Amino acid sequence: MAQNFRRYIARNTGTSAATLFTADSYDTIVGIRCCNTTSSAVTIDVYINDGSNDYYLVKTAPVPTVGSLELIDGGSKIIVDNGDILKVISSASSSIDTWVSAIDAIST
């Protein structure tokens, strides 16, 4: 079965949560990288909302000045269901760029 690889990005995320993507089926997140684009350290939250609750992948995680944080690496994967929403928020305005790699419609 062919895989549908996708990328989702958010630029200059700040103190309001940015939606990275909304799952439209059973999808698999295979990579998340958040980069601090400012000259000060920040903290970030990355979470999935299932329509009722927020489930944190990382909460108040420090990202150093002009550094980055890799949330998923190696063999780790996160499965999301139809309607799940992946979000990111930072402690400072316009401070985080985020890149998400995912596989769309992993199973039918």
PDB file of N, CA and C in Angstrom:
ATOM      1  N   MET A   1       0.839  -1.169   0.000  1.00  0.00           N
ATOM      2  CA  MET A   1       0.000   0.000   0.000  1.00  0.00           C
ATOM      3  C   MET A   1       0.891   1.241   0.000  1.00  0.00           C
ATOM      4  N   ALA A   2       0.638   2.164  -0.905  1.00  0.00           N
ATOM      5  CA  ALA A   2       1.418   3.397  -0.989  1.00  0.00           C
ATOM      6  C   ALA A   2       1.109   4.293   0.205  1.00  0.00           C
ATOM      7  N   GLN A   3       2.123   4.986   0.658  1.00  0.00           N
ATOM      8  CA  GLN A   3       1.965   5.906   1.784  1.00  0.00           C
ATOM      9  C   GLN A   3       1.874   7.340   1.275  1.00  0.00           C
ATOM     10  N   ASN A   4       1.020   8.120   1.900  1.00  0.00           N
ATOM     11  CA  ASN A   4       0.837   9.519   1.548  1.00  0.00           C
ATOM     12  C   ASN A   4       1.526  10.383   2.593  1.00  0.00           C
ATOM     13  N   PHE A   5       2.785  10.735   2.347  1.00  0.00           N
ATOM     14  CA  PHE A   5       3.533  11.566   3.271  1.00  0.00           C
ATOM     15  C   PHE A   5       3.089  13.013   3.132  1.00  0.00           C
ATOM     16  N   ARG A   6       2.966  13.689   4.280  1.00  0.00           N
ATOM     17  CA  ARG A   6       2.528  15.082   4.307  1.00  0.00           C
ATOM     18  C   ARG A   6       3.417  15.887   5.244  1.00  0.00           C
ATOM     19  N   ARG A   7       3.453  17.186   5.030  1.00  0.00           N
ATOM     20  CA  ARG A   7       4.119  18.084   5.963  1.00  0.00           C
ATOM     21  C   ARG A   7       3.166  19.220   6.289  1.00  0.00           C
ATOM     22  N   TYR A   8       3.241  19.642   7.548  1.00  0.00           N
ATOM     23  CA  TYR A   8       2.405  20.728   8.042  1.00  0.00           C
ATOM     24  C   TYR A   8       3.330  21.691   8.771  1.00  0.00           C
ATOM     25  N   ILE A   9       3.146  22.992   8.541  1.00  0.00           N
ATOM     26  CA  ILE A   9       4.058  23.963   9.129  1.00  0.00           C
ATOM     27  C   ILE A   9       3.287  25.121   9.757  1.00  0.00           C
ATOM     28  N   ALA A  10       3.901  25.714  10.771  1.00  0.00           N
ATOM     29  CA  ALA A  10       3.383  26.938  11.381  1.00  0.00           C
ATOM     30  C   ALA A  10       4.579  27.855  11.604  1.00  0.00           C
ATOM     31  N   ARG A  11       4.443  29.101  11.223  1.00  0.00           N
ATOM     32  CA  ARG A  11       5.538  30.068  11.322  1.00  0.00           C
ATOM     33  C   ARG A  11       5.175  31.160  12.325  1.00  0.00           C
ATOM     34  N   ASN A  12       6.163  31.551  13.126  1.00  0.00           N
ATOM     35  CA  ASN A  12       5.999  32.656  14.083  1.00  0.00           C
ATOM     36  C   ASN A  12       4.847  32.448  15.060  1.00  0.00           C
ATOM     37  N   THR A  13       4.691  31.240  15.546  1.00  0.00           N
ATOM     38  CA  THR A  13       3.664  30.965  16.550  1.00  0.00           C
ATOM     39  C   THR A  13       4.012  31.699  17.834  1.00  0.00           C
ATOM     40  N   GLY A  14       2.982  32.194  18.484  1.00  0.00           N
ATOM     41  CA  GLY A  14       3.180  32.928  19.727  1.00  0.00           C
ATOM     42  C   GLY A  14       2.291  32.433  20.842  1.00  0.00           C
ATOM     43  N   THR A  15       1.682  33.368  21.555  1.00  0.00           N
ATOM     44  CA  THR A  15       0.941  33.055  22.771  1.00  0.00           C
ATOM     45  C   THR A  15      -0.504  32.617  22.526  1.00  0.00           C
ATOM     46  N   SER A  16      -0.904  32.548  21.281  1.00  0.00           N
ATOM     47  CA  SER A  16      -2.193  31.955  20.910  1.00  0.00           C
ATOM     48  C   SER A  16      -1.903  30.641  20.210  1.00  0.00           C
ATOM     49  N   ALA A  17      -2.636  29.608  20.569  1.00  0.00           N
ATOM     50  CA  ALA A  17      -2.391  28.282  19.989  1.00  0.00           C
ATOM     51  C   ALA A  17      -2.577  28.300  18.473  1.00  0.00           C
ATOM     52  N   ALA A  18      -1.623  27.690  17.772  1.00  0.00           N
ATOM     53  CA  ALA A  18      -1.707  27.541  16.314  1.00  0.00           C
ATOM     54  C   ALA A  18      -2.073  26.097  15.996  1.00  0.00           C
ATOM     55  N   THR A  19      -3.018  25.912  15.109  1.00  0.00           N
ATOM     56  CA  THR A  19      -3.378  24.578  14.652  1.00  0.00           C
ATOM     57  C   THR A  19      -2.393  24.147  13.576  1.00  0.00           C
ATOM     58  N   LEU A  20      -1.717  23.029  13.819  1.00  0.00           N
ATOM     59  CA  LEU A  20      -0.773  22.505  12.837  1.00  0.00           C
ATOM     60  C   LEU A  20      -1.499  21.676  11.790  1.00  0.00           C
ATOM     61  N   PHE A  21      -2.379  20.790  12.231  1.00  0.00           N
ATOM     62  CA  PHE A  21      -3.245  20.094  11.301  1.00  0.00           C
ATOM     63  C   PHE A  21      -4.379  19.401  12.038  1.00  0.00           C
ATOM     64  N   THR A  22      -5.412  19.081  11.273  1.00  0.00           N
ATOM     65  CA  THR A  22      -6.549  18.329  11.787  1.00  0.00           C
ATOM     66  C   THR A  22      -6.586  17.011  11.029  1.00  0.00           C
ATOM     67  N   ALA A  23      -6.562  15.914  11.755  1.00  0.00           N
ATOM     68  CA  ALA A  23      -6.569  14.592  11.122  1.00  0.00           C
ATOM     69  C   ALA A  23      -7.890  14.367  10.398  1.00  0.00           C
ATOM     70  N   ASP A  24      -7.809  13.764   9.208  1.00  0.00           N
ATOM     71  CA  ASP A  24      -9.014  13.470   8.443  1.00  0.00           C
ATOM     72  C   ASP A  24      -9.260  11.968   8.312  1.00  0.00           C
ATOM     73  N   SER A  25      -8.465  11.205   9.045  1.00  0.00           N
ATOM     74  CA  SER A  25      -8.573   9.746   9.048  1.00  0.00           C
ATOM     75  C   SER A  25      -7.632   9.268  10.148  1.00  0.00           C
ATOM     76  N   TYR A  26      -7.300   7.988  10.143  1.00  0.00           N
ATOM     77  CA  TYR A  26      -6.216   7.547  11.020  1.00  0.00           C
ATOM     78  C   TYR A  26      -4.908   7.964  10.362  1.00  0.00           C
ATOM     79  N   ASP A  27      -4.253   8.952  10.946  1.00  0.00           N
ATOM     80  CA  ASP A  27      -3.002   9.478  10.425  1.00  0.00           C
ATOM     81  C   ASP A  27      -1.894   9.187  11.431  1.00  0.00           C
ATOM     82  N   THR A  28      -0.651   9.239  10.987  1.00  0.00           N
ATOM     83  CA  THR A  28       0.492   8.978  11.862  1.00  0.00           C
ATOM     84  C   THR A  28       1.461  10.142  11.801  1.00  0.00           C
ATOM     85  N   ILE A  29       1.759  10.705  12.974  1.00  0.00           N
ATOM     86  CA  ILE A  29       2.760  11.760  13.079  1.00  0.00           C
ATOM     87  C   ILE A  29       4.111  11.084  13.292  1.00  0.00           C
ATOM     88  N   VAL A  30       5.059  11.350  12.412  1.00  0.00           N
ATOM     89  CA  VAL A  30       6.372  10.708  12.507  1.00  0.00           C
ATOM     90  C   VAL A  30       7.481  11.682  12.880  1.00  0.00           C
ATOM     91  N   GLY A  31       7.175  12.993  12.910  1.00  0.00           N
ATOM     92  CA  GLY A  31       8.191  13.959  13.299  1.00  0.00           C
ATOM     93  C   GLY A  31       7.585  15.298  13.639  1.00  0.00           C
ATOM     94  N   ILE A  32       8.108  15.912  14.719  1.00  0.00           N
ATOM     95  CA  ILE A  32       7.731  17.279  15.082  1.00  0.00           C
ATOM     96  C   ILE A  32       9.002  17.990  15.526  1.00  0.00           C
ATOM     97  N   ARG A  33       9.301  19.108  14.885  1.00  0.00           N
ATOM     98  CA  ARG A  33      10.448  19.936  15.289  1.00  0.00           C
ATOM     99  C   ARG A  33       9.966  21.362  15.474  1.00  0.00           C
ATOM    100  N   CYS A  34      10.296  21.930  16.648  1.00  0.00           N
ATOM    101  CA  CYS A  34       9.951  23.309  16.974  1.00  0.00           C
ATOM    102  C   CYS A  34      11.246  24.097  17.118  1.00  0.00           C
ATOM    103  N   CYS A  35      11.339  25.234  16.436  1.00  0.00           N
ATOM    104  CA  CYS A  35      12.547  26.058  16.452  1.00  0.00           C
ATOM    105  C   CYS A  35      12.233  27.433  17.025  1.00  0.00           C
ATOM    106  N   ASN A  36      13.033  27.836  17.997  1.00  0.00           N
ATOM    107  CA  ASN A  36      12.921  29.171  18.586  1.00  0.00           C
ATOM    108  C   ASN A  36      13.647  30.150  17.665  1.00  0.00           C
ATOM    109  N   THR A  37      12.920  31.119  17.143  1.00  0.00           N
ATOM    110  CA  THR A  37      13.501  32.074  16.201  1.00  0.00           C
ATOM    111  C   THR A  37      13.865  33.398  16.856  1.00  0.00           C
ATOM    112  N   THR A  38      13.826  33.442  18.190  1.00  0.00           N
ATOM    113  CA  THR A  38      14.087  34.693  18.903  1.00  0.00           C
ATOM    114  C   THR A  38      15.434  34.663  19.619  1.00  0.00           C
ATOM    115  N   SER A  39      15.771  35.779  20.227  1.00  0.00           N
ATOM    116  CA  SER A  39      17.034  35.891  20.961  1.00  0.00           C
ATOM    117  C   SER A  39      16.858  35.636  22.462  1.00  0.00           C
ATOM    118  N   SER A  40      15.724  35.048  22.845  1.00  0.00           N
ATOM    119  CA  SER A  40      15.462  34.691  24.246  1.00  0.00           C
ATOM    120  C   SER A  40      14.903  33.268  24.315  1.00  0.00           C
ATOM    121  N   ALA A  41      15.180  32.586  25.404  1.00  0.00           N
ATOM    122  CA  ALA A  41      14.623  31.250  25.599  1.00  0.00           C
ATOM    123  C   ALA A  41      13.106  31.349  25.771  1.00  0.00           C
ATOM    124  N   VAL A  42      12.390  30.341  25.299  1.00  0.00           N
ATOM    125  CA  VAL A  42      10.932  30.282  25.436  1.00  0.00           C
ATOM    126  C   VAL A  42      10.544  28.892  25.929  1.00  0.00           C
ATOM    127  N   THR A  43       9.289  28.737  26.281  1.00  0.00           N
ATOM    128  CA  THR A  43       8.743  27.410  26.556  1.00  0.00           C
ATOM    129  C   THR A  43       7.586  27.184  25.605  1.00  0.00           C
ATOM    130  N   ILE A  44       7.329  25.909  25.311  1.00  0.00           N
ATOM    131  CA  ILE A  44       6.249  25.569  24.390  1.00  0.00           C
ATOM    132  C   ILE A  44       5.397  24.443  24.962  1.00  0.00           C
ATOM    133  N   ASP A  45       4.150  24.415  24.496  1.00  0.00           N
ATOM    134  CA  ASP A  45       3.248  23.295  24.706  1.00  0.00           C
ATOM    135  C   ASP A  45       2.884  22.779  23.321  1.00  0.00           C
ATOM    136  N   VAL A  46       2.890  21.463  23.159  1.00  0.00           N
ATOM    137  CA  VAL A  46       2.384  20.829  21.947  1.00  0.00           C
ATOM    138  C   VAL A  46       1.381  19.791  22.421  1.00  0.00           C
ATOM    139  N   TYR A  47       0.178  19.847  21.867  1.00  0.00           N
ATOM    140  CA  TYR A  47      -0.864  18.947  22.356  1.00  0.00           C
ATOM    141  C   TYR A  47      -1.840  18.575  21.246  1.00  0.00           C
ATOM    142  N   ILE A  48      -2.603  17.515  21.513  1.00  0.00           N
ATOM    143  CA  ILE A  48      -3.642  17.050  20.606  1.00  0.00           C
ATOM    144  C   ILE A  48      -4.977  17.223  21.313  1.00  0.00           C
ATOM    145  N   ASN A  49      -5.917  17.861  20.625  1.00  0.00           N
ATOM    146  CA  ASN A  49      -7.268  17.986  21.149  1.00  0.00           C
ATOM    147  C   ASN A  49      -8.150  17.008  20.384  1.00  0.00           C
ATOM    148  N   ASP A  50      -8.881  16.191  21.136  1.00  0.00           N
ATOM    149  CA  ASP A  50      -9.738  15.185  20.502  1.00  0.00           C
ATOM    150  C   ASP A  50     -11.183  15.656  20.356  1.00  0.00           C
ATOM    151  N   GLY A  51     -11.413  16.956  20.531  1.00  0.00           N
ATOM    152  CA  GLY A  51     -12.755  17.502  20.462  1.00  0.00           C
ATOM    153  C   GLY A  51     -13.325  17.783  21.841  1.00  0.00           C
ATOM    154  N   SER A  52     -12.757  17.125  22.858  1.00  0.00           N
ATOM    155  CA  SER A  52     -13.219  17.317  24.236  1.00  0.00           C
ATOM    156  C   SER A  52     -12.086  17.661  25.190  1.00  0.00           C
ATOM    157  N   ASN A  53     -10.925  17.067  24.975  1.00  0.00           N
ATOM    158  CA  ASN A  53      -9.809  17.205  25.912  1.00  0.00           C
ATOM    159  C   ASN A  53      -8.507  17.477  25.181  1.00  0.00           C
ATOM    160  N   ASP A  54      -7.587  18.154  25.907  1.00  0.00           N
ATOM    161  CA  ASP A  54      -6.231  18.358  25.415  1.00  0.00           C
ATOM    162  C   ASP A  54      -5.328  17.275  26.000  1.00  0.00           C
ATOM    163  N   TYR A  55      -4.536  16.637  25.137  1.00  0.00           N
ATOM    164  CA  TYR A  55      -3.565  15.630  25.554  1.00  0.00           C
ATOM    165  C   TYR A  55      -2.179  16.142  25.165  1.00  0.00           C
ATOM    166  N   TYR A  56      -1.369  16.452  26.165  1.00  0.00           N
ATOM    167  CA  TYR A  56      -0.081  17.099  25.920  1.00  0.00           C
ATOM    168  C   TYR A  56       0.986  16.092  25.500  1.00  0.00           C
ATOM    169  N   LEU A  57       1.675  16.421  24.423  1.00  0.00           N
ATOM    170  CA  LEU A  57       2.870  15.684  24.019  1.00  0.00           C
ATOM    171  C   LEU A  57       4.066  16.231  24.765  1.00  0.00           C
ATOM    172  N   VAL A  58       4.030  17.554  25.036  1.00  0.00           N
ATOM    173  CA  VAL A  58       5.035  18.227  25.852  1.00  0.00           C
ATOM    174  C   VAL A  58       4.370  19.462  26.441  1.00  0.00           C
ATOM    175  N   LYS A  59       4.683  19.741  27.700  1.00  0.00           N
ATOM    176  CA  LYS A  59       4.083  20.897  28.388  1.00  0.00           C
ATOM    177  C   LYS A  59       5.191  21.717  29.028  1.00  0.00           C
ATOM    178  N   THR A  60       5.206  23.003  28.718  1.00  0.00           N
ATOM    179  CA  THR A  60       6.181  23.953  29.243  1.00  0.00           C
ATOM    180  C   THR A  60       7.616  23.463  29.002  1.00  0.00           C
ATOM    181  N   ALA A  61       7.852  22.971  27.811  1.00  0.00           N
ATOM    182  CA  ALA A  61       9.189  22.481  27.444  1.00  0.00           C
ATOM    183  C   ALA A  61      10.073  23.654  27.034  1.00  0.00           C
ATOM    184  N   PRO A  62      11.271  23.739  27.587  1.00  0.00           N
ATOM    185  CA  PRO A  62      12.161  24.844  27.232  1.00  0.00           C
ATOM    186  C   PRO A  62      12.772  24.664  25.841  1.00  0.00           C
ATOM    187  N   VAL A  63      12.820  25.761  25.106  1.00  0.00           N
ATOM    188  CA  VAL A  63      13.510  25.794  23.820  1.00  0.00           C
ATOM    189  C   VAL A  63      14.514  26.941  23.908  1.00  0.00           C
ATOM    190  N   PRO A  64      15.806  26.631  23.858  1.00  0.00           N
ATOM    191  CA  PRO A  64      16.828  27.664  24.065  1.00  0.00           C
ATOM    192  C   PRO A  64      16.858  28.693  22.940  1.00  0.00           C
ATOM    193  N   THR A  65      17.523  29.788  23.199  1.00  0.00           N
ATOM    194  CA  THR A  65      17.699  30.845  22.214  1.00  0.00           C
ATOM    195  C   THR A  65      18.197  30.256  20.901  1.00  0.00           C
ATOM    196  N   VAL A  66      17.518  30.605  19.826  1.00  0.00           N
ATOM    197  CA  VAL A  66      17.778  30.099  18.469  1.00  0.00           C
ATOM    198  C   VAL A  66      18.092  28.603  18.439  1.00  0.00           C
ATOM    199  N   GLY A  67      17.473  27.843  19.319  1.00  0.00           N
ATOM    200  CA  GLY A  67      17.626  26.393  19.361  1.00  0.00           C
ATOM    201  C   GLY A  67      16.350  25.726  18.883  1.00  0.00           C
ATOM    202  N   SER A  68      16.343  24.401  18.904  1.00  0.00           N
ATOM    203  CA  SER A  68      15.158  23.674  18.487  1.00  0.00           C
ATOM    204  C   SER A  68      14.907  22.495  19.419  1.00  0.00           C
ATOM    205  N   LEU A  69      13.704  21.965  19.321  1.00  0.00           N
ATOM    206  CA  LEU A  69      13.292  20.813  20.117  1.00  0.00           C
ATOM    207  C   LEU A  69      12.647  19.808  19.187  1.00  0.00           C
ATOM    208  N   GLU A  70      13.202  18.600  19.152  1.00  0.00           N
ATOM    209  CA  GLU A  70      12.649  17.508  18.356  1.00  0.00           C
ATOM    210  C   GLU A  70      11.761  16.690  19.285  1.00  0.00           C
ATOM    211  N   LEU A  71      10.454  16.665  19.002  1.00  0.00           N
ATOM    212  CA  LEU A  71       9.526  15.966  19.891  1.00  0.00           C
ATOM    213  C   LEU A  71       9.363  14.502  19.557  1.00  0.00           C
ATOM    214  N   ILE A  72       9.499  14.160  18.304  1.00  0.00           N
ATOM    215  CA  ILE A  72       9.373  12.759  17.891  1.00  0.00           C
ATOM    216  C   ILE A  72      10.582  12.436  17.046  1.00  0.00           C
ATOM    217  N   ASP A  73      11.309  11.395  17.431  1.00  0.00           N
ATOM    218  CA  ASP A  73      12.461  10.991  16.638  1.00  0.00           C
ATOM    219  C   ASP A  73      12.620   9.482  16.722  1.00  0.00           C
ATOM    220  N   GLY A  74      13.505   8.960  15.941  1.00  0.00           N
ATOM    221  CA  GLY A  74      13.742   7.517  15.950  1.00  0.00           C
ATOM    222  C   GLY A  74      12.510   6.740  15.531  1.00  0.00           C
ATOM    223  N   GLY A  75      12.180   5.718  16.279  1.00  0.00           N
ATOM    224  CA  GLY A  75      11.065   4.845  15.935  1.00  0.00           C
ATOM    225  C   GLY A  75       9.734   5.277  16.501  1.00  0.00           C
ATOM    226  N   SER A  76       9.690   6.415  17.198  1.00  0.00           N
ATOM    227  CA  SER A  76       8.444   6.877  17.806  1.00  0.00           C
ATOM    228  C   SER A  76       7.453   7.348  16.749  1.00  0.00           C
ATOM    229  N   LYS A  77       6.183   7.103  17.026  1.00  0.00           N
ATOM    230  CA  LYS A  77       5.110   7.569  16.152  1.00  0.00           C
ATOM    231  C   LYS A  77       3.901   7.877  17.018  1.00  0.00           C
ATOM    232  N   ILE A  78       3.062   8.776  16.554  1.00  0.00           N
ATOM    233  CA  ILE A  78       1.822   9.091  17.248  1.00  0.00           C
ATOM    234  C   ILE A  78       0.679   8.908  16.258  1.00  0.00           C
ATOM    235  N   ILE A  79      -0.282   8.089  16.643  1.00  0.00           N
ATOM    236  CA  ILE A  79      -1.445   7.836  15.806  1.00  0.00           C
ATOM    237  C   ILE A  79      -2.551   8.799  16.222  1.00  0.00           C
ATOM    238  N   VAL A  80      -3.144   9.485  15.265  1.00  0.00           N
ATOM    239  CA  VAL A  80      -4.268  10.377  15.528  1.00  0.00           C
ATOM    240  C   VAL A  80      -5.476   9.894  14.737  1.00  0.00           C
ATOM    241  N   ASP A  81      -6.642  10.205  15.258  1.00  0.00           N
ATOM    242  CA  ASP A  81      -7.902   9.772  14.659  1.00  0.00           C
ATOM    243  C   ASP A  81      -8.573  10.950  13.957  1.00  0.00           C
ATOM    244  N   ASN A  82      -9.542  10.653  13.143  1.00  0.00           N
ATOM    245  CA  ASN A  82     -10.304  11.662  12.426  1.00  0.00           C
ATOM    246  C   ASN A  82     -10.804  12.732  13.392  1.00  0.00           C
ATOM    247  N   GLY A  83     -10.500  13.997  13.107  1.00  0.00           N
ATOM    248  CA  GLY A  83     -10.945  15.111  13.924  1.00  0.00           C
ATOM    249  C   GLY A  83      -9.972  15.549  15.003  1.00  0.00           C
ATOM    250  N   ASP A  84      -8.949  14.730  15.310  1.00  0.00           N
ATOM    251  CA  ASP A  84      -7.933  15.149  16.278  1.00  0.00           C
ATOM    252  C   ASP A  84      -7.171  16.345  15.718  1.00  0.00           C
ATOM    253  N   ILE A  85      -6.879  17.313  16.589  1.00  0.00           N
ATOM    254  CA  ILE A  85      -6.220  18.551  16.161  1.00  0.00           C
ATOM    255  C   ILE A  85      -4.888  18.687  16.891  1.00  0.00           C
ATOM    256  N   LEU A  86      -3.804  18.823  16.146  1.00  0.00           N
ATOM    257  CA  LEU A  86      -2.473  19.035  16.706  1.00  0.00           C
ATOM    258  C   LEU A  86      -2.224  20.535  16.804  1.00  0.00           C
ATOM    259  N   LYS A  87      -1.837  21.005  18.029  1.00  0.00           N
ATOM    260  CA  LYS A  87      -1.637  22.434  18.257  1.00  0.00           C
ATOM    261  C   LYS A  87      -0.311  22.697  18.944  1.00  0.00           C
ATOM    262  N   VAL A  88       0.184  23.931  18.756  1.00  0.00           N
ATOM    263  CA  VAL A  88       1.411  24.391  19.415  1.00  0.00           C
ATOM    264  C   VAL A  88       1.170  25.812  19.921  1.00  0.00           C
ATOM    265  N   ILE A  89       1.771  26.125  21.059  1.00  0.00           N
ATOM    266  CA  ILE A  89       1.694  27.470  21.634  1.00  0.00           C
ATOM    267  C   ILE A  89       3.025  27.770  22.318  1.00  0.00           C
ATOM    268  N   SER A  90       3.423  29.028  22.297  1.00  0.00           N
ATOM    269  CA  SER A  90       4.691  29.449  22.881  1.00  0.00           C
ATOM    270  C   SER A  90       4.452  30.447  24.013  1.00  0.00           C
ATOM    271  N   SER A  91       5.452  30.597  24.856  1.00  0.00           N
ATOM    272  CA  SER A  91       5.366  31.567  25.950  1.00  0.00           C
ATOM    273  C   SER A  91       5.661  32.991  25.493  1.00  0.00           C
ATOM    274  N   ALA A  92       6.116  33.171  24.264  1.00  0.00           N
ATOM    275  CA  ALA A  92       6.457  34.503  23.746  1.00  0.00           C
ATOM    276  C   ALA A  92       5.836  34.699  22.363  1.00  0.00           C
ATOM    277  N   SER A  93       5.519  35.916  22.046  1.00  0.00           N
ATOM    278  CA  SER A  93       4.891  36.202  20.757  1.00  0.00           C
ATOM    279  C   SER A  93       5.855  35.969  19.597  1.00  0.00           C
ATOM    280  N   SER A  94       5.308  35.500  18.499  1.00  0.00           N
ATOM    281  CA  SER A  94       6.050  35.309  17.238  1.00  0.00           C
ATOM    282  C   SER A  94       7.423  34.692  17.452  1.00  0.00           C
ATOM    283  N   SER A  95       7.468  33.530  18.101  1.00  0.00           N
ATOM    284  CA  SER A  95       8.767  32.983  18.507  1.00  0.00           C
ATOM    285  C   SER A  95       9.083  31.571  18.028  1.00  0.00           C
ATOM    286  N   ILE A  96       8.109  30.830  17.543  1.00  0.00           N
ATOM    287  CA  ILE A  96       8.343  29.415  17.235  1.00  0.00           C
ATOM    288  C   ILE A  96       7.908  29.089  15.809  1.00  0.00           C
ATOM    289  N   ASP A  97       8.796  28.430  15.072  1.00  0.00           N
ATOM    290  CA  ASP A  97       8.450  27.804  13.796  1.00  0.00           C
ATOM    291  C   ASP A  97       8.362  26.301  14.042  1.00  0.00           C
ATOM    292  N   THR A  98       7.326  25.665  13.498  1.00  0.00           N
ATOM    293  CA  THR A  98       7.121  24.235  13.726  1.00  0.00           C
ATOM    294  C   THR A  98       6.949  23.511  12.401  1.00  0.00           C
ATOM    295  N   TRP A  99       7.582  22.343  12.318  1.00  0.00           N
ATOM    296  CA  TRP A  99       7.481  21.487  11.137  1.00  0.00           C
ATOM    297  C   TRP A  99       7.013  20.116  11.599  1.00  0.00           C
ATOM    298  N   VAL A 100       5.956  19.610  10.974  1.00  0.00           N
ATOM    299  CA  VAL A 100       5.398  18.300  11.306  1.00  0.00           C
ATOM    300  C   VAL A 100       5.452  17.418  10.067  1.00  0.00           C
ATOM    301  N   SER A 101       5.964  16.202  10.228  1.00  0.00           N
ATOM    302  CA  SER A 101       5.930  15.207   9.161  1.00  0.00           C
ATOM    303  C   SER A 101       4.931  14.132   9.565  1.00  0.00           C
ATOM    304  N   ALA A 102       4.063  13.778   8.614  1.00  0.00           N
ATOM    305  CA  ALA A 102       3.003  12.820   8.937  1.00  0.00           C
ATOM    306  C   ALA A 102       2.723  11.924   7.735  1.00  0.00           C
ATOM    307  N   ILE A 103       2.044  10.828   8.029  1.00  0.00           N
ATOM    308  CA  ILE A 103       1.560   9.939   6.983  1.00  0.00           C
ATOM    309  C   ILE A 103       0.044  10.007   7.036  1.00  0.00           C
ATOM    310  N   ASP A 104      -0.562  10.363   5.913  1.00  0.00           N
ATOM    311  CA  ASP A 104      -2.010  10.514   5.815  1.00  0.00           C
ATOM    312  C   ASP A 104      -2.651   9.171   5.499  1.00  0.00           C
ATOM    313  N   ALA A 105      -3.761   8.903   6.162  1.00  0.00           N
ATOM    314  CA  ALA A 105      -4.574   7.699   5.890  1.00  0.00           C
ATOM    315  C   ALA A 105      -3.725   6.440   5.985  1.00  0.00           C
ATOM    316  N   ILE A 106      -3.166   6.194   7.168  1.00  0.00           N
ATOM    317  CA  ILE A 106      -2.273   5.056   7.370  1.00  0.00           C
ATOM    318  C   ILE A 106      -2.964   3.712   7.167  1.00  0.00           C
ATOM    319  N   SER A 107      -4.263   3.652   7.450  1.00  0.00           N
ATOM    320  CA  SER A 107      -5.001   2.408   7.208  1.00  0.00           C
ATOM    321  C   SER A 107      -6.404   2.747   6.765  1.00  0.00           C
ATOM    322  N   THR A 108      -7.024   1.794   6.107  1.00  0.00           N
ATOM    323  CA  THR A 108      -8.380   2.021   5.641  1.00  0.00           C
ATOM    324  C   THR A 108      -9.312   0.994   6.209  1.00  0.00           C
TER     325      THR A 108
END
